[in-house]
Amino acid sequence: MKYKALLFGSIGMIIETSEIQRQSFNDAFKEVGLDWHWDETDYKNLLQKSGGAKRIEDFAQKNNSTVDASKVRLRKTELFNKYLIDDNFEPREGVLDIINYVKENGLKLGFVNSTTTNNINAVFTTLKNFIQKDDFDFIGNNNLIDEPKPNAEIYDKA
């Protein structure tokens, strides 16, 4: 079987972001006056569902709280992007080897996301010394689809 493309299915496949995401949620909670704190175990369990606002809504419901999940998620995203842009992160081990292999063998390369373009841009900003947008034949984002992951719509677009 001849392969035509390699698709990275999330930001976390290219750069380790889980801890940055978790810290950004906790910082956003604090800023909006919530006494919530997600430790590593909490966050790992919450990752079973896709979407930050959904995680916040579920956590609020479980804790008998009312919160504007969209507002909290927006602030979390701003904080997350600031962390990425302000700090120097490297791609996960092996990612550059994979990208080079794909290029050298004439395959297409995709970055299949249903996140915001701001998140995508922040990732490429922090990785600017390693990976460029033009390394990819396809970069997905939430503006290209009606339904976010885990719906397969973004993969169909890719």
Protein backbone atom coordinates (compact mmCIF):
# COMPACT_ATOMS: atom_id res chain seq x y z
CA MET A 1 0.00 0.00 0.00
CA LYS A 2 1.35 3.39 -0.95
CA TYR A 3 0.68 6.15 1.54
CA LYS A 4 -0.21 9.62 0.32
CA ALA A 5 -0.12 11.68 3.49
CA LEU A 6 0.67 11.85 7.16
CA LEU A 7 -1.77 13.69 9.41
CA PHE A 8 -0.95 15.08 12.83
CA GLY A 9 -4.32 14.89 14.59
CA SER A 10 -3.84 17.52 17.28
CA ILE A 11 -1.58 20.20 18.69
CA GLY A 12 -0.48 17.72 21.34
CA MET A 13 0.98 15.43 18.69
CA ILE A 14 3.49 18.10 17.72
CA ILE A 15 4.17 19.83 21.03
CA GLU A 16 3.51 18.75 24.61
CA THR A 17 0.79 21.12 25.76
CA SER A 18 -1.19 19.26 28.42
CA GLU A 19 0.52 20.91 31.37
CA ILE A 20 0.34 24.35 29.74
CA GLN A 21 -3.37 23.82 29.05
CA ARG A 22 -4.02 22.68 32.63
CA GLN A 23 -2.15 25.65 34.10
CA SER A 24 -4.03 28.00 31.78
CA PHE A 25 -7.36 26.61 32.97
CA ASN A 26 -6.32 27.04 36.61
CA ASP A 27 -5.13 30.60 35.99
CA ALA A 28 -8.40 31.44 34.24
CA PHE A 29 -10.43 29.97 37.11
CA LYS A 30 -8.55 32.14 39.57
CA GLU A 31 -9.00 35.28 37.44
CA VAL A 32 -12.77 34.83 37.21
CA GLY A 33 -13.10 34.15 40.93
CA LEU A 34 -13.58 30.39 40.90
CA ASP A 35 -11.93 28.37 43.66
CA TRP A 36 -11.38 25.46 41.28
CA HIS A 37 -8.04 23.78 40.76
CA TRP A 38 -7.53 20.92 38.34
CA ASP A 39 -4.64 18.71 39.37
CA GLU A 40 -3.02 16.32 36.90
CA THR A 41 -5.44 13.48 37.74
CA ASP A 42 -8.51 15.73 37.40
CA TYR A 43 -7.31 17.06 34.08
CA LYS A 44 -6.45 13.64 32.71
CA ASN A 45 -9.98 12.47 33.52
CA LEU A 46 -11.51 15.60 32.00
CA LEU A 47 -9.61 15.00 28.75
CA GLN A 48 -11.90 12.06 28.04
CA LYS A 49 -14.24 14.63 26.48
CA SER A 50 -13.31 17.02 23.72
CA GLY A 51 -13.63 20.78 24.11
CA GLY A 52 -12.59 23.12 26.90
CA ALA A 53 -15.98 24.76 27.37
CA LYS A 54 -17.62 21.34 27.63
CA ARG A 55 -15.11 20.29 30.28
CA ILE A 56 -15.84 23.45 32.26
CA GLU A 57 -19.61 22.92 31.96
CA ASP A 58 -19.35 19.30 33.07
CA PHE A 59 -17.10 20.22 36.00
CA ALA A 60 -19.48 23.01 37.06
CA GLN A 61 -22.48 20.69 36.90
CA LYS A 62 -20.65 18.01 38.90
CA ASN A 63 -19.82 20.64 41.54
CA ASN A 64 -23.27 22.29 41.57
CA SER A 65 -21.84 25.53 40.19
CA THR A 66 -23.04 27.97 37.59
CA VAL A 67 -20.41 29.50 35.35
CA ASP A 68 -20.09 31.16 31.95
CA ALA A 69 -18.05 28.35 30.41
CA SER A 70 -17.46 30.22 27.15
CA LYS A 71 -16.03 33.22 28.98
CA VAL A 72 -13.74 31.07 31.11
CA ARG A 73 -12.58 29.07 28.09
CA LEU A 74 -11.88 32.26 26.13
CA ARG A 75 -9.69 33.56 28.96
CA LYS A 76 -7.98 30.16 29.26
CA THR A 77 -7.21 30.26 25.54
CA GLU A 78 -5.73 33.76 25.81
CA LEU A 79 -3.50 32.62 28.69
CA PHE A 80 -2.51 29.43 26.84
CA ASN A 81 -1.53 31.37 23.74
CA LYS A 82 0.48 33.85 25.83
CA TYR A 83 2.40 30.98 27.45
CA LEU A 84 3.19 29.53 24.03
CA ILE A 85 4.24 32.83 22.50
CA ASP A 86 6.26 34.06 25.49
CA ASP A 87 8.19 30.84 26.12
CA ASN A 88 10.38 28.73 23.88
CA PHE A 89 9.03 25.26 23.30
CA GLU A 90 10.39 22.52 21.12
CA PRO A 91 8.50 19.91 19.13
CA ARG A 92 8.03 16.47 20.64
CA GLU A 93 10.91 14.08 20.13
CA GLY A 94 10.80 12.58 16.65
CA VAL A 95 8.42 15.12 15.13
CA LEU A 96 11.10 16.82 13.04
CA ASP A 97 12.32 13.44 11.81
CA ILE A 98 8.79 12.56 10.74
CA ILE A 99 8.28 15.87 8.94
CA ASN A 100 11.62 15.48 7.13
CA TYR A 101 10.74 11.92 6.13
CA VAL A 102 7.38 13.05 4.74
CA LYS A 103 9.01 15.84 2.70
CA GLU A 104 11.83 13.63 1.41
CA ASN A 105 9.36 10.97 0.27
CA GLY A 106 6.90 13.24 -1.50
CA LEU A 107 4.03 12.72 0.92
CA LYS A 108 1.50 15.35 1.92
CA LEU A 109 1.55 16.64 5.48
CA GLY A 110 -1.52 17.70 7.43
CA PHE A 111 -2.16 19.36 10.79
CA VAL A 112 -5.73 18.33 11.46
CA ASN A 113 -7.24 20.55 14.15
CA SER A 114 -10.64 21.83 15.11
CA THR A 115 -9.21 24.48 17.45
CA THR A 116 -9.03 28.22 16.86
CA THR A 117 -6.67 29.89 14.42
CA ASN A 118 -5.25 31.82 17.40
CA ASN A 119 -4.19 28.52 19.00
CA ILE A 120 -2.71 27.31 15.73
CA ASN A 121 -0.80 30.57 15.27
CA ALA A 122 0.53 30.42 18.85
CA VAL A 123 1.86 26.90 18.23
CA PHE A 124 3.66 27.99 15.08
CA THR A 125 5.01 31.09 16.85
CA THR A 126 6.57 29.07 19.67
CA LEU A 127 7.96 26.51 17.19
CA LYS A 128 9.15 29.08 14.62
CA ASN A 129 12.75 27.88 14.84
CA PHE A 130 11.72 24.31 14.04
CA ILE A 131 8.49 24.12 12.03
CA GLN A 132 6.80 26.51 9.61
CA LYS A 133 3.21 26.66 8.40
CA ASP A 134 4.40 26.13 4.84
CA ASP A 135 5.76 22.73 5.88
CA PHE A 136 2.10 21.61 5.84
CA ASP A 137 -0.18 21.00 2.89
CA PHE A 138 -3.26 21.29 5.13
CA ILE A 139 -3.83 23.06 8.45
CA GLY A 140 -7.28 22.66 9.93
CA ASN A 141 -9.10 24.98 12.29
CA ASN A 142 -12.57 25.57 13.71
CA ASN A 143 -13.55 27.91 10.87
CA LEU A 144 -13.44 25.07 8.33
CA ILE A 145 -16.06 22.90 10.02
CA ASP A 146 -19.49 22.89 11.59
CA GLU A 147 -18.79 20.15 14.14
CA PRO A 148 -15.62 19.94 16.26
CA LYS A 149 -13.78 16.75 17.07
CA PRO A 150 -14.48 14.00 17.80
CA ASN A 151 -16.66 14.46 14.71
CA ALA A 152 -14.68 13.36 11.64
CA GLU A 153 -15.58 16.42 9.54
CA ILE A 154 -12.10 18.00 9.84
CA TYR A 155 -10.48 14.72 8.75
CA ASP A 156 -12.76 14.62 5.72
CA LYS A 157 -11.64 18.16 4.86
CA ALA A 158 -7.99 17.15 5.18
